[in-house]
Amino acid sequence: MIPLATDITSYLRDAATDPQFPDAPFDWTRADAERIARDEGLSLTADHWDVVRALHHYYARHQDLGPISLRDLHDALDEHFHAQGGLKFLYTLFPAGPIAQSCRLAGLKAPFIATDRGFGSAA
């Protein structure tokens, strides 16, 4: 018997369209990310896709805990990619801001103050 308070998104998430991105948002596609990257002048590599997967995984694990904290996400990405150089490495991949630009590619809403419309990407 299915409980009355069943969350339908859990059933939809099981039908992931791309097995390489199991934590991707339901409406996200690799083609969308490639289009955004092309528009922003990025040539996607395996490293870019690793960052997208890391973001998907982080957001999937933290989305129910309230708003995503810029500081916590910043620290998590720095730690996850520490062996490659942390945030310095991420800035080489995403020159418009490793959090703001990579969140756009991942189909995720960047944390509050990751971008400043008057300045550009801050993170």
PDB file of N, CA and C in Angstrom:
ATOM      1  N   MET A   1       0.840  -1.180   0.000  1.00  0.00           N
ATOM      2  CA  MET A   1       0.000   0.000   0.000  1.00  0.00           C
ATOM      3  C   MET A   1       0.889   1.249   0.000  1.00  0.00           C
ATOM      4  N   ILE A   2       0.569   2.215  -0.832  1.00  0.00           N
ATOM      5  CA  ILE A   2       1.326   3.464  -0.930  1.00  0.00           C
ATOM      6  C   ILE A   2       0.807   4.443   0.117  1.00  0.00           C
ATOM      7  N   PRO A   3       1.726   5.027   0.907  1.00  0.00           N
ATOM      8  CA  PRO A   3       1.284   6.016   1.902  1.00  0.00           C
ATOM      9  C   PRO A   3       0.619   7.207   1.227  1.00  0.00           C
ATOM     10  N   LEU A   4      -0.304   7.838   1.924  1.00  0.00           N
ATOM     11  CA  LEU A   4      -1.029   8.982   1.361  1.00  0.00           C
ATOM     12  C   LEU A   4      -0.116  10.175   1.096  1.00  0.00           C
ATOM     13  N   ALA A   5       0.917  10.345   1.878  1.00  0.00           N
ATOM     14  CA  ALA A   5       1.797  11.497   1.744  1.00  0.00           C
ATOM     15  C   ALA A   5       3.010  11.176   0.868  1.00  0.00           C
ATOM     16  N   THR A   6       2.831  10.351  -0.120  1.00  0.00           N
ATOM     17  CA  THR A   6       3.939   9.973  -0.990  1.00  0.00           C
ATOM     18  C   THR A   6       4.400  11.166  -1.814  1.00  0.00           C
ATOM     19  N   ASP A   7       5.701  11.364  -1.846  1.00  0.00           N
ATOM     20  CA  ASP A   7       6.287  12.440  -2.640  1.00  0.00           C
ATOM     21  C   ASP A   7       6.532  11.887  -4.045  1.00  0.00           C
ATOM     22  N   ILE A   8       5.829  12.405  -5.023  1.00  0.00           N
ATOM     23  CA  ILE A   8       5.919  11.886  -6.388  1.00  0.00           C
ATOM     24  C   ILE A   8       7.299  12.101  -7.002  1.00  0.00           C
ATOM     25  N   THR A   9       8.044  13.113  -6.521  1.00  0.00           N
ATOM     26  CA  THR A   9       9.374  13.357  -7.099  1.00  0.00           C
ATOM     27  C   THR A   9      10.313  12.185  -6.868  1.00  0.00           C
ATOM     28  N   SER A  10      10.104  11.448  -5.786  1.00  0.00           N
ATOM     29  CA  SER A  10      10.967  10.284  -5.558  1.00  0.00           C
ATOM     30  C   SER A  10      10.745   9.237  -6.635  1.00  0.00           C
ATOM     31  N   TYR A  11       9.533   9.113  -7.134  1.00  0.00           N
ATOM     32  CA  TYR A  11       9.267   8.174  -8.220  1.00  0.00           C
ATOM     33  C   TYR A  11       9.816   8.699  -9.545  1.00  0.00           C
ATOM     34  N   LEU A  12       9.703   9.997  -9.768  1.00  0.00           N
ATOM     35  CA  LEU A  12      10.214  10.586 -10.995  1.00  0.00           C
ATOM     36  C   LEU A  12      11.732  10.520 -11.053  1.00  0.00           C
ATOM     37  N   ARG A  13      12.397  10.700  -9.912  1.00  0.00           N
ATOM     38  CA  ARG A  13      13.857  10.677  -9.880  1.00  0.00           C
ATOM     39  C   ARG A  13      14.391   9.298 -10.246  1.00  0.00           C
ATOM     40  N   ASP A  14      13.623   8.249  -9.975  1.00  0.00           N
ATOM     41  CA  ASP A  14      14.069   6.904 -10.312  1.00  0.00           C
ATOM     42  C   ASP A  14      14.176   6.709 -11.817  1.00  0.00           C
ATOM     43  N   ALA A  15      13.475   7.511 -12.575  1.00  0.00           N
ATOM     44  CA  ALA A  15      13.479   7.386 -14.026  1.00  0.00           C
ATOM     45  C   ALA A  15      14.450   8.386 -14.652  1.00  0.00           C
ATOM     46  N   ALA A  16      15.645   8.485 -14.088  1.00  0.00           N
ATOM     47  CA  ALA A  16      16.651   9.425 -14.606  1.00  0.00           C
ATOM     48  C   ALA A  16      16.929   9.118 -16.070  1.00  0.00           C
ATOM     49  N   THR A  17      16.998  10.170 -16.873  1.00  0.00           N
ATOM     50  CA  THR A  17      17.205   9.971 -18.300  1.00  0.00           C
ATOM     51  C   THR A  17      18.668   9.759 -18.648  1.00  0.00           C
ATOM     52  N   ASP A  18      19.586  10.214 -17.805  1.00  0.00           N
ATOM     53  CA  ASP A  18      21.005  10.057 -18.081  1.00  0.00           C
ATOM     54  C   ASP A  18      21.672   9.392 -16.880  1.00  0.00           C
ATOM     55  N   PRO A  19      22.029   8.124 -16.998  1.00  0.00           N
ATOM     56  CA  PRO A  19      22.604   7.413 -15.856  1.00  0.00           C
ATOM     57  C   PRO A  19      23.944   7.978 -15.384  1.00  0.00           C
ATOM     58  N   GLN A  20      24.622   8.766 -16.211  1.00  0.00           N
ATOM     59  CA  GLN A  20      25.876   9.389 -15.791  1.00  0.00           C
ATOM     60  C   GLN A  20      25.640  10.578 -14.854  1.00  0.00           C
ATOM     61  N   PHE A  21      24.390  11.029 -14.764  1.00  0.00           N
ATOM     62  CA  PHE A  21      24.028  12.158 -13.911  1.00  0.00           C
ATOM     63  C   PHE A  21      22.807  11.773 -13.077  1.00  0.00           C
ATOM     64  N   PRO A  22      22.963  10.829 -12.152  1.00  0.00           N
ATOM     65  CA  PRO A  22      21.809  10.308 -11.417  1.00  0.00           C
ATOM     66  C   PRO A  22      21.146  11.313 -10.482  1.00  0.00           C
ATOM     67  N   ASP A  23      21.851  12.355 -10.070  1.00  0.00           N
ATOM     68  CA  ASP A  23      21.285  13.338  -9.150  1.00  0.00           C
ATOM     69  C   ASP A  23      20.837  14.616  -9.852  1.00  0.00           C
ATOM     70  N   ALA A  24      20.801  14.598 -11.172  1.00  0.00           N
ATOM     71  CA  ALA A  24      20.436  15.791 -11.940  1.00  0.00           C
ATOM     72  C   ALA A  24      18.993  16.194 -11.669  1.00  0.00           C
ATOM     73  N   PRO A  25      18.713  17.502 -11.737  1.00  0.00           N
ATOM     74  CA  PRO A  25      17.315  17.937 -11.633  1.00  0.00           C
ATOM     75  C   PRO A  25      16.484  17.288 -12.739  1.00  0.00           C
ATOM     76  N   PHE A  26      15.223  17.088 -12.451  1.00  0.00           N
ATOM     77  CA  PHE A  26      14.346  16.374 -13.376  1.00  0.00           C
ATOM     78  C   PHE A  26      14.320  17.007 -14.768  1.00  0.00           C
ATOM     79  N   ASP A  27      14.336  18.332 -14.843  1.00  0.00           N
ATOM     80  CA  ASP A  27      14.209  19.010 -16.137  1.00  0.00           C
ATOM     81  C   ASP A  27      15.552  19.347 -16.781  1.00  0.00           C
ATOM     82  N   TRP A  28      16.666  18.874 -16.233  1.00  0.00           N
ATOM     83  CA  TRP A  28      17.992  19.165 -16.763  1.00  0.00           C
ATOM     84  C   TRP A  28      18.397  18.131 -17.809  1.00  0.00           C
ATOM     85  N   THR A  29      19.074  18.591 -18.863  1.00  0.00           N
ATOM     86  CA  THR A  29      19.633  17.663 -19.852  1.00  0.00           C
ATOM     87  C   THR A  29      21.065  18.087 -20.158  1.00  0.00           C
ATOM     88  N   ARG A  30      21.838  17.129 -20.603  1.00  0.00           N
ATOM     89  CA  ARG A  30      23.218  17.405 -21.005  1.00  0.00           C
ATOM     90  C   ARG A  30      23.236  18.397 -22.168  1.00  0.00           C
ATOM     91  N   ALA A  31      22.254  18.294 -23.059  1.00  0.00           N
ATOM     92  CA  ALA A  31      22.177  19.205 -24.204  1.00  0.00           C
ATOM     93  C   ALA A  31      21.981  20.652 -23.742  1.00  0.00           C
ATOM     94  N   ASP A  32      21.194  20.851 -22.683  1.00  0.00           N
ATOM     95  CA  ASP A  32      21.019  22.200 -22.127  1.00  0.00           C
ATOM     96  C   ASP A  32      22.354  22.750 -21.642  1.00  0.00           C
ATOM     97  N   ALA A  33      23.108  21.924 -20.928  1.00  0.00           N
ATOM     98  CA  ALA A  33      24.410  22.353 -20.410  1.00  0.00           C
ATOM     99  C   ALA A  33      25.361  22.683 -21.553  1.00  0.00           C
ATOM    100  N   GLU A  34      25.347  21.871 -22.598  1.00  0.00           N
ATOM    101  CA  GLU A  34      26.222  22.131 -23.749  1.00  0.00           C
ATOM    102  C   GLU A  34      25.853  23.432 -24.446  1.00  0.00           C
ATOM    103  N   ARG A  35      24.559  23.716 -24.534  1.00  0.00           N
ATOM    104  CA  ARG A  35      24.103  24.968 -25.144  1.00  0.00           C
ATOM    105  C   ARG A  35      24.549  26.168 -24.314  1.00  0.00           C
ATOM    106  N   ILE A  36      24.372  26.088 -23.002  1.00  0.00           N
ATOM    107  CA  ILE A  36      24.786  27.179 -22.119  1.00  0.00           C
ATOM    108  C   ILE A  36      26.292  27.387 -22.208  1.00  0.00           C
ATOM    109  N   ALA A  37      27.039  26.291 -22.203  1.00  0.00           N
ATOM    110  CA  ALA A  37      28.502  26.385 -22.298  1.00  0.00           C
ATOM    111  C   ALA A  37      28.913  27.049 -23.605  1.00  0.00           C
ATOM    112  N   ARG A  38      28.285  26.669 -24.682  1.00  0.00           N
ATOM    113  CA  ARG A  38      28.595  27.254 -25.994  1.00  0.00           C
ATOM    114  C   ARG A  38      28.300  28.755 -25.971  1.00  0.00           C
ATOM    115  N   ASP A  39      27.156  29.136 -25.398  1.00  0.00           N
ATOM    116  CA  ASP A  39      26.786  30.549 -25.306  1.00  0.00           C
ATOM    117  C   ASP A  39      27.773  31.348 -24.458  1.00  0.00           C
ATOM    118  N   GLU A  40      28.385  30.676 -23.471  1.00  0.00           N
ATOM    119  CA  GLU A  40      29.324  31.358 -22.579  1.00  0.00           C
ATOM    120  C   GLU A  40      30.780  31.165 -22.997  1.00  0.00           C
ATOM    121  N   GLY A  41      30.995  30.547 -24.148  1.00  0.00           N
ATOM    122  CA  GLY A  41      32.343  30.391 -24.679  1.00  0.00           C
ATOM    123  C   GLY A  41      33.171  29.313 -24.006  1.00  0.00           C
ATOM    124  N   LEU A  42      32.516  28.334 -23.388  1.00  0.00           N
ATOM    125  CA  LEU A  42      33.234  27.235 -22.737  1.00  0.00           C
ATOM    126  C   LEU A  42      33.270  26.018 -23.632  1.00  0.00           C
ATOM    127  N   SER A  43      34.367  25.324 -23.591  1.00  0.00           N
ATOM    128  CA  SER A  43      34.522  24.052 -24.277  1.00  0.00           C
ATOM    129  C   SER A  43      34.556  22.987 -23.187  1.00  0.00           C
ATOM    130  N   LEU A  44      33.482  22.220 -23.060  1.00  0.00           N
ATOM    131  CA  LEU A  44      33.344  21.292 -21.940  1.00  0.00           C
ATOM    132  C   LEU A  44      34.292  20.106 -22.046  1.00  0.00           C
ATOM    133  N   THR A  45      34.921  19.803 -20.910  1.00  0.00           N
ATOM    134  CA  THR A  45      35.827  18.660 -20.796  1.00  0.00           C
ATOM    135  C   THR A  45      35.277  17.723 -19.722  1.00  0.00           C
ATOM    136  N   ALA A  46      35.949  16.621 -19.523  1.00  0.00           N
ATOM    137  CA  ALA A  46      35.547  15.684 -18.467  1.00  0.00           C
ATOM    138  C   ALA A  46      35.571  16.356 -17.102  1.00  0.00           C
ATOM    139  N   ASP A  47      36.495  17.294 -16.900  1.00  0.00           N
ATOM    140  CA  ASP A  47      36.560  18.010 -15.624  1.00  0.00           C
ATOM    141  C   ASP A  47      35.310  18.856 -15.388  1.00  0.00           C
ATOM    142  N   HIS A  48      34.809  19.495 -16.433  1.00  0.00           N
ATOM    143  CA  HIS A  48      33.575  20.275 -16.306  1.00  0.00           C
ATOM    144  C   HIS A  48      32.424  19.369 -15.887  1.00  0.00           C
ATOM    145  N   TRP A  49      32.325  18.213 -16.512  1.00  0.00           N
ATOM    146  CA  TRP A  49      31.237  17.283 -16.189  1.00  0.00           C
ATOM    147  C   TRP A  49      31.374  16.765 -14.765  1.00  0.00           C
ATOM    148  N   ASP A  50      32.602  16.594 -14.278  1.00  0.00           N
ATOM    149  CA  ASP A  50      32.809  16.176 -12.889  1.00  0.00           C
ATOM    150  C   ASP A  50      32.263  17.225 -11.917  1.00  0.00           C
ATOM    151  N   VAL A  51      32.467  18.491 -12.250  1.00  0.00           N
ATOM    152  CA  VAL A  51      31.949  19.564 -11.404  1.00  0.00           C
ATOM    153  C   VAL A  51      30.424  19.559 -11.437  1.00  0.00           C
ATOM    154  N   VAL A  52      29.840  19.380 -12.612  1.00  0.00           N
ATOM    155  CA  VAL A  52      28.377  19.325 -12.730  1.00  0.00           C
ATOM    156  C   VAL A  52      27.830  18.177 -11.883  1.00  0.00           C
ATOM    157  N   ARG A  53      28.464  17.000 -11.980  1.00  0.00           N
ATOM    158  CA  ARG A  53      28.019  15.855 -11.169  1.00  0.00           C
ATOM    159  C   ARG A  53      28.151  16.146  -9.671  1.00  0.00           C
ATOM    160  N   ALA A  54      29.253  16.793  -9.278  1.00  0.00           N
ATOM    161  CA  ALA A  54      29.457  17.133  -7.868  1.00  0.00           C
ATOM    162  C   ALA A  54      28.375  18.100  -7.376  1.00  0.00           C
ATOM    163  N   LEU A  55      28.028  19.065  -8.208  1.00  0.00           N
ATOM    164  CA  LEU A  55      26.960  20.005  -7.843  1.00  0.00           C
ATOM    165  C   LEU A  55      25.618  19.299  -7.726  1.00  0.00           C
ATOM    166  N   HIS A  56      25.303  18.460  -8.697  1.00  0.00           N
ATOM    167  CA  HIS A  56      24.051  17.710  -8.643  1.00  0.00           C
ATOM    168  C   HIS A  56      23.978  16.904  -7.349  1.00  0.00           C
ATOM    169  N   HIS A  57      25.079  16.233  -7.016  1.00  0.00           N
ATOM    170  CA  HIS A  57      25.118  15.399  -5.824  1.00  0.00           C
ATOM    171  C   HIS A  57      24.943  16.254  -4.563  1.00  0.00           C
ATOM    172  N   TYR A  58      25.649  17.377  -4.496  1.00  0.00           N
ATOM    173  CA  TYR A  58      25.555  18.255  -3.332  1.00  0.00           C
ATOM    174  C   TYR A  58      24.127  18.772  -3.158  1.00  0.00           C
ATOM    175  N   TYR A  59      23.544  19.271  -4.220  1.00  0.00           N
ATOM    176  CA  TYR A  59      22.188  19.823  -4.140  1.00  0.00           C
ATOM    177  C   TYR A  59      21.180  18.737  -3.773  1.00  0.00           C
ATOM    178  N   ALA A  60      21.319  17.539  -4.320  1.00  0.00           N
ATOM    179  CA  ALA A  60      20.397  16.446  -4.001  1.00  0.00           C
ATOM    180  C   ALA A  60      20.466  16.092  -2.519  1.00  0.00           C
ATOM    181  N   ARG A  61      21.651  16.186  -1.925  1.00  0.00           N
ATOM    182  CA  ARG A  61      21.819  15.841  -0.515  1.00  0.00           C
ATOM    183  C   ARG A  61      21.422  16.969   0.434  1.00  0.00           C
ATOM    184  N   HIS A  62      21.404  18.204  -0.051  1.00  0.00           N
ATOM    185  CA  HIS A  62      21.162  19.345   0.834  1.00  0.00           C
ATOM    186  C   HIS A  62      19.894  20.137   0.528  1.00  0.00           C
ATOM    187  N   GLN A  63      19.172  19.797  -0.510  1.00  0.00           N
ATOM    188  CA  GLN A  63      18.026  20.617  -0.915  1.00  0.00           C
ATOM    189  C   GLN A  63      16.905  20.662   0.122  1.00  0.00           C
ATOM    190  N   ASP A  64      16.765  19.631   0.923  1.00  0.00           N
ATOM    191  CA  ASP A  64      15.685  19.602   1.906  1.00  0.00           C
ATOM    192  C   ASP A  64      16.074  20.256   3.230  1.00  0.00           C
ATOM    193  N   LEU A  65      17.294  20.763   3.331  1.00  0.00           N
ATOM    194  CA  LEU A  65      17.779  21.349   4.572  1.00  0.00           C
ATOM    195  C   LEU A  65      17.626  22.865   4.601  1.00  0.00           C
ATOM    196  N   GLY A  66      16.957  23.424   3.624  1.00  0.00           N
ATOM    197  CA  GLY A  66      16.795  24.874   3.548  1.00  0.00           C
ATOM    198  C   GLY A  66      17.618  25.426   2.402  1.00  0.00           C
ATOM    199  N   PRO A  67      17.761  26.749   2.358  1.00  0.00           N
ATOM    200  CA  PRO A  67      18.524  27.359   1.263  1.00  0.00           C
ATOM    201  C   PRO A  67      19.975  26.872   1.264  1.00  0.00           C
ATOM    202  N   ILE A  68      20.502  26.700   0.061  1.00  0.00           N
ATOM    203  CA  ILE A  68      21.902  26.287  -0.087  1.00  0.00           C
ATOM    204  C   ILE A  68      22.791  27.458   0.320  1.00  0.00           C
ATOM    205  N   SER A  69      23.727  27.197   1.205  1.00  0.00           N
ATOM    206  CA  SER A  69      24.645  28.233   1.680  1.00  0.00           C
ATOM    207  C   SER A  69      25.821  28.360   0.717  1.00  0.00           C
ATOM    208  N   LEU A  70      26.088  29.578   0.287  1.00  0.00           N
ATOM    209  CA  LEU A  70      27.221  29.829  -0.598  1.00  0.00           C
ATOM    210  C   LEU A  70      28.518  29.377   0.060  1.00  0.00           C
ATOM    211  N   ARG A  71      28.690  29.697   1.308  1.00  0.00           N
ATOM    212  CA  ARG A  71      29.917  29.345   2.021  1.00  0.00           C
ATOM    213  C   ARG A  71      30.091  27.825   2.105  1.00  0.00           C
ATOM    214  N   ASP A  72      29.015  27.107   2.455  1.00  0.00           N
ATOM    215  CA  ASP A  72      29.097  25.653   2.572  1.00  0.00           C
ATOM    216  C   ASP A  72      29.382  25.006   1.219  1.00  0.00           C
ATOM    217  N   LEU A  73      28.723  25.486   0.173  1.00  0.00           N
ATOM    218  CA  LEU A  73      28.953  24.939  -1.165  1.00  0.00           C
ATOM    219  C   LEU A  73      30.380  25.249  -1.610  1.00  0.00           C
ATOM    220  N   HIS A  74      30.827  26.444  -1.372  1.00  0.00           N
ATOM    221  CA  HIS A  74      32.191  26.867  -1.688  1.00  0.00           C
ATOM    222  C   HIS A  74      33.196  25.922  -1.034  1.00  0.00           C
ATOM    223  N   ASP A  75      33.008  25.676   0.269  1.00  0.00           N
ATOM    224  CA  ASP A  75      33.913  24.799   1.009  1.00  0.00           C
ATOM    225  C   ASP A  75      33.839  23.353   0.516  1.00  0.00           C
ATOM    226  N   ALA A  76      32.633  22.891   0.205  1.00  0.00           N
ATOM    227  CA  ALA A  76      32.465  21.514  -0.270  1.00  0.00           C
ATOM    228  C   ALA A  76      33.158  21.308  -1.618  1.00  0.00           C
ATOM    229  N   LEU A  77      33.021  22.270  -2.527  1.00  0.00           N
ATOM    230  CA  LEU A  77      33.689  22.161  -3.824  1.00  0.00           C
ATOM    231  C   LEU A  77      35.202  22.256  -3.674  1.00  0.00           C
ATOM    232  N   ASP A  78      35.665  23.146  -2.811  1.00  0.00           N
ATOM    233  CA  ASP A  78      37.098  23.281  -2.570  1.00  0.00           C
ATOM    234  C   ASP A  78      37.676  21.969  -2.041  1.00  0.00           C
ATOM    235  N   GLU A  79      36.955  21.337  -1.127  1.00  0.00           N
ATOM    236  CA  GLU A  79      37.413  20.061  -0.574  1.00  0.00           C
ATOM    237  C   GLU A  79      37.331  18.937  -1.602  1.00  0.00           C
ATOM    238  N   HIS A  80      36.226  18.882  -2.341  1.00  0.00           N
ATOM    239  CA  HIS A  80      36.032  17.808  -3.326  1.00  0.00           C
ATOM    240  C   HIS A  80      37.118  17.825  -4.406  1.00  0.00           C
ATOM    241  N   PHE A  81      37.523  19.015  -4.819  1.00  0.00           N
ATOM    242  CA  PHE A  81      38.522  19.153  -5.882  1.00  0.00           C
ATOM    243  C   PHE A  81      39.890  19.573  -5.341  1.00  0.00           C
ATOM    244  N   HIS A  82      40.133  19.289  -4.073  1.00  0.00           N
ATOM    245  CA  HIS A  82      41.391  19.663  -3.432  1.00  0.00           C
ATOM    246  C   HIS A  82      42.618  19.082  -4.149  1.00  0.00           C
ATOM    247  N   ALA A  83      42.540  17.835  -4.551  1.00  0.00           N
ATOM    248  CA  ALA A  83      43.687  17.180  -5.203  1.00  0.00           C
ATOM    249  C   ALA A  83      44.074  17.865  -6.515  1.00  0.00           C
ATOM    250  N   GLN A  84      43.105  18.489  -7.192  1.00  0.00           N
ATOM    251  CA  GLN A  84      43.385  19.175  -8.458  1.00  0.00           C
ATOM    252  C   GLN A  84      43.747  20.649  -8.248  1.00  0.00           C
ATOM    253  N   GLY A  85      43.595  21.134  -7.030  1.00  0.00           N
ATOM    254  CA  GLY A  85      43.923  22.536  -6.770  1.00  0.00           C
ATOM    255  C   GLY A  85      42.779  23.319  -6.166  1.00  0.00           C
ATOM    256  N   GLY A  86      41.683  22.648  -5.844  1.00  0.00           N
ATOM    257  CA  GLY A  86      40.556  23.310  -5.187  1.00  0.00           C
ATOM    258  C   GLY A  86      39.924  24.391  -6.043  1.00  0.00           C
ATOM    259  N   LEU A  87      39.643  25.527  -5.413  1.00  0.00           N
ATOM    260  CA  LEU A  87      38.951  26.602  -6.119  1.00  0.00           C
ATOM    261  C   LEU A  87      39.793  27.228  -7.222  1.00  0.00           C
ATOM    262  N   LYS A  88      41.107  27.234  -7.063  1.00  0.00           N
ATOM    263  CA  LYS A  88      41.959  27.751  -8.148  1.00  0.00           C
ATOM    264  C   LYS A  88      41.739  26.930  -9.413  1.00  0.00           C
ATOM    265  N   PHE A  89      41.655  25.632  -9.257  1.00  0.00           N
ATOM    266  CA  PHE A  89      41.378  24.739 -10.376  1.00  0.00           C
ATOM    267  C   PHE A  89      40.004  25.038 -10.973  1.00  0.00           C
ATOM    268  N   LEU A  90      39.014  25.231 -10.117  1.00  0.00           N
ATOM    269  CA  LEU A  90      37.655  25.497 -10.597  1.00  0.00           C
ATOM    270  C   LEU A  90      37.562  26.826 -11.346  1.00  0.00           C
ATOM    271  N   TYR A  91      38.332  27.817 -10.923  1.00  0.00           N
ATOM    272  CA  TYR A  91      38.342  29.093 -11.651  1.00  0.00           C
ATOM    273  C   TYR A  91      38.950  28.933 -13.049  1.00  0.00           C
ATOM    274  N   THR A  92      39.855  27.984 -13.223  1.00  0.00           N
ATOM    275  CA  THR A  92      40.393  27.750 -14.572  1.00  0.00           C
ATOM    276  C   THR A  92      39.333  27.129 -15.476  1.00  0.00           C
ATOM    277  N   LEU A  93      38.433  26.342 -14.888  1.00  0.00           N
ATOM    278  CA  LEU A  93      37.353  25.718 -15.668  1.00  0.00           C
ATOM    279  C   LEU A  93      36.204  26.688 -15.918  1.00  0.00           C
ATOM    280  N   PHE A  94      35.885  27.481 -14.904  1.00  0.00           N
ATOM    281  CA  PHE A  94      34.737  28.389 -14.960  1.00  0.00           C
ATOM    282  C   PHE A  94      35.198  29.807 -14.639  1.00  0.00           C
ATOM    283  N   PRO A  95      35.753  30.500 -15.625  1.00  0.00           N
ATOM    284  CA  PRO A  95      36.310  31.835 -15.379  1.00  0.00           C
ATOM    285  C   PRO A  95      35.280  32.880 -14.966  1.00  0.00           C
ATOM    286  N   ALA A  96      34.001  32.646 -15.232  1.00  0.00           N
ATOM    287  CA  ALA A  96      32.962  33.596 -14.829  1.00  0.00           C
ATOM    288  C   ALA A  96      32.461  33.315 -13.413  1.00  0.00           C
ATOM    289  N   GLY A  97      33.201  32.507 -12.659  1.00  0.00           N
ATOM    290  CA  GLY A  97      32.824  32.173 -11.284  1.00  0.00           C
ATOM    291  C   GLY A  97      32.498  30.703 -11.174  1.00  0.00           C
ATOM    292  N   PRO A  98      33.263  29.956 -10.397  1.00  0.00           N
ATOM    293  CA  PRO A  98      33.083  28.509 -10.356  1.00  0.00           C
ATOM    294  C   PRO A  98      31.735  28.061  -9.805  1.00  0.00           C
ATOM    295  N   ILE A  99      31.111  28.852  -8.973  1.00  0.00           N
ATOM    296  CA  ILE A  99      29.811  28.444  -8.449  1.00  0.00           C
ATOM    297  C   ILE A  99      28.698  28.949  -9.351  1.00  0.00           C
ATOM    298  N   ALA A 100      28.700  30.233  -9.660  1.00  0.00           N
ATOM    299  CA  ALA A 100      27.626  30.797 -10.479  1.00  0.00           C
ATOM    300  C   ALA A 100      27.571  30.155 -11.863  1.00  0.00           C
ATOM    301  N   GLN A 101      28.701  30.076 -12.536  1.00  0.00           N
ATOM    302  CA  GLN A 101      28.717  29.549 -13.897  1.00  0.00           C
ATOM    303  C   GLN A 101      28.448  28.045 -13.913  1.00  0.00           C
ATOM    304  N   SER A 102      29.036  27.307 -12.982  1.00  0.00           N
ATOM    305  CA  SER A 102      28.813  25.865 -12.971  1.00  0.00           C
ATOM    306  C   SER A 102      27.375  25.530 -12.578  1.00  0.00           C
ATOM    307  N   CYS A 103      26.773  26.325 -11.710  1.00  0.00           N
ATOM    308  CA  CYS A 103      25.357  26.100 -11.369  1.00  0.00           C
ATOM    309  C   CYS A 103      24.473  26.319 -12.592  1.00  0.00           C
ATOM    310  N   ARG A 104      24.796  27.306 -13.420  1.00  0.00           N
ATOM    311  CA  ARG A 104      24.011  27.515 -14.644  1.00  0.00           C
ATOM    312  C   ARG A 104      24.081  26.276 -15.528  1.00  0.00           C
ATOM    313  N   LEU A 105      25.279  25.729 -15.700  1.00  0.00           N
ATOM    314  CA  LEU A 105      25.438  24.536 -16.526  1.00  0.00           C
ATOM    315  C   LEU A 105      24.724  23.336 -15.921  1.00  0.00           C
ATOM    316  N   ALA A 106      24.701  23.256 -14.598  1.00  0.00           N
ATOM    317  CA  ALA A 106      24.090  22.121 -13.912  1.00  0.00           C
ATOM    318  C   ALA A 106      22.575  22.250 -13.797  1.00  0.00           C
ATOM    319  N   GLY A 107      22.040  23.389 -14.227  1.00  0.00           N
ATOM    320  CA  GLY A 107      20.595  23.588 -14.142  1.00  0.00           C
ATOM    321  C   GLY A 107      20.121  23.845 -12.723  1.00  0.00           C
ATOM    322  N   LEU A 108      20.982  24.413 -11.906  1.00  0.00           N
ATOM    323  CA  LEU A 108      20.681  24.664 -10.498  1.00  0.00           C
ATOM    324  C   LEU A 108      20.699  26.158 -10.211  1.00  0.00           C
ATOM    325  N   LYS A 109      19.926  26.555  -9.218  1.00  0.00           N
ATOM    326  CA  LYS A 109      19.914  27.953  -8.809  1.00  0.00           C
ATOM    327  C   LYS A 109      21.121  28.197  -7.918  1.00  0.00           C
ATOM    328  N   ALA A 110      21.957  29.137  -8.304  1.00  0.00           N
ATOM    329  CA  ALA A 110      23.135  29.471  -7.513  1.00  0.00           C
ATOM    330  C   ALA A 110      22.695  30.044  -6.173  1.00  0.00           C
ATOM    331  N   PRO A 111      23.458  29.790  -5.120  1.00  0.00           N
ATOM    332  CA  PRO A 111      23.114  30.351  -3.812  1.00  0.00           C
ATOM    333  C   PRO A 111      23.055  31.877  -3.857  1.00  0.00           C
ATOM    334  N   PHE A 112      22.328  32.417  -2.913  1.00  0.00           N
ATOM    335  CA  PHE A 112      22.192  33.864  -2.772  1.00  0.00           C
ATOM    336  C   PHE A 112      23.574  34.511  -2.724  1.00  0.00           C
ATOM    337  N   ILE A 113      23.744  35.588  -3.382  1.00  0.00           N
ATOM    338  CA  ILE A 113      24.945  36.416  -3.528  1.00  0.00           C
ATOM    339  C   ILE A 113      26.095  35.748  -4.276  1.00  0.00           C
ATOM    340  N   ALA A 114      25.831  34.656  -4.971  1.00  0.00           N
ATOM    341  CA  ALA A 114      26.882  34.064  -5.815  1.00  0.00           C
ATOM    342  C   ALA A 114      27.120  34.970  -7.018  1.00  0.00           C
ATOM    343  N   THR A 115      26.108  35.746  -7.371  1.00  0.00           N
ATOM    344  CA  THR A 115      26.252  36.721  -8.453  1.00  0.00           C
ATOM    345  C   THR A 115      25.778  38.080  -7.953  1.00  0.00           C
ATOM    346  N   ASP A 116      26.373  39.094  -8.487  1.00  0.00           N
ATOM    347  CA  ASP A 116      26.013  40.465  -8.197  1.00  0.00           C
ATOM    348  C   ASP A 116      25.772  41.139  -9.532  1.00  0.00           C
ATOM    349  N   ARG A 117      24.534  41.524  -9.813  1.00  0.00           N
ATOM    350  CA  ARG A 117      24.202  42.091 -11.122  1.00  0.00           C
ATOM    351  C   ARG A 117      25.030  43.330 -11.445  1.00  0.00           C
ATOM    352  N   GLY A 118      25.499  44.052 -10.463  1.00  0.00           N
ATOM    353  CA  GLY A 118      26.306  45.229 -10.698  1.00  0.00           C
ATOM    354  C   GLY A 118      27.767  44.912 -10.963  1.00  0.00           C
ATOM    355  N   PHE A 119      28.204  43.738 -10.524  1.00  0.00           N
ATOM    356  CA  PHE A 119      29.610  43.379 -10.626  1.00  0.00           C
ATOM    357  C   PHE A 119      29.842  42.185 -11.523  1.00  0.00           C
ATOM    358  N   GLY A 120      28.951  41.236 -11.516  1.00  0.00           N
ATOM    359  CA  GLY A 120      29.123  39.980 -12.241  1.00  0.00           C
ATOM    360  C   GLY A 120      29.174  38.848 -11.241  1.00  0.00           C
ATOM    361  N   SER A 121      29.819  37.776 -11.592  1.00  0.00           N
ATOM    362  CA  SER A 121      29.915  36.651 -10.675  1.00  0.00           C
ATOM    363  C   SER A 121      30.878  36.975  -9.549  1.00  0.00           C
ATOM    364  N   ALA A 122      30.459  36.664  -8.357  1.00  0.00           N
ATOM    365  CA  ALA A 122      31.321  36.850  -7.213  1.00  0.00           C
ATOM    366  C   ALA A 122      31.915  35.533  -6.761  1.00  0.00           C
ATOM    367  N   ALA A 123      31.268  34.456  -7.104  1.00  0.00           N
ATOM    368  CA  ALA A 123      31.759  33.135  -6.690  1.00  0.00           C
ATOM    369  C   ALA A 123      31.560  32.141  -7.814  1.00  0.00           C
TER     370      ALA A 123
END
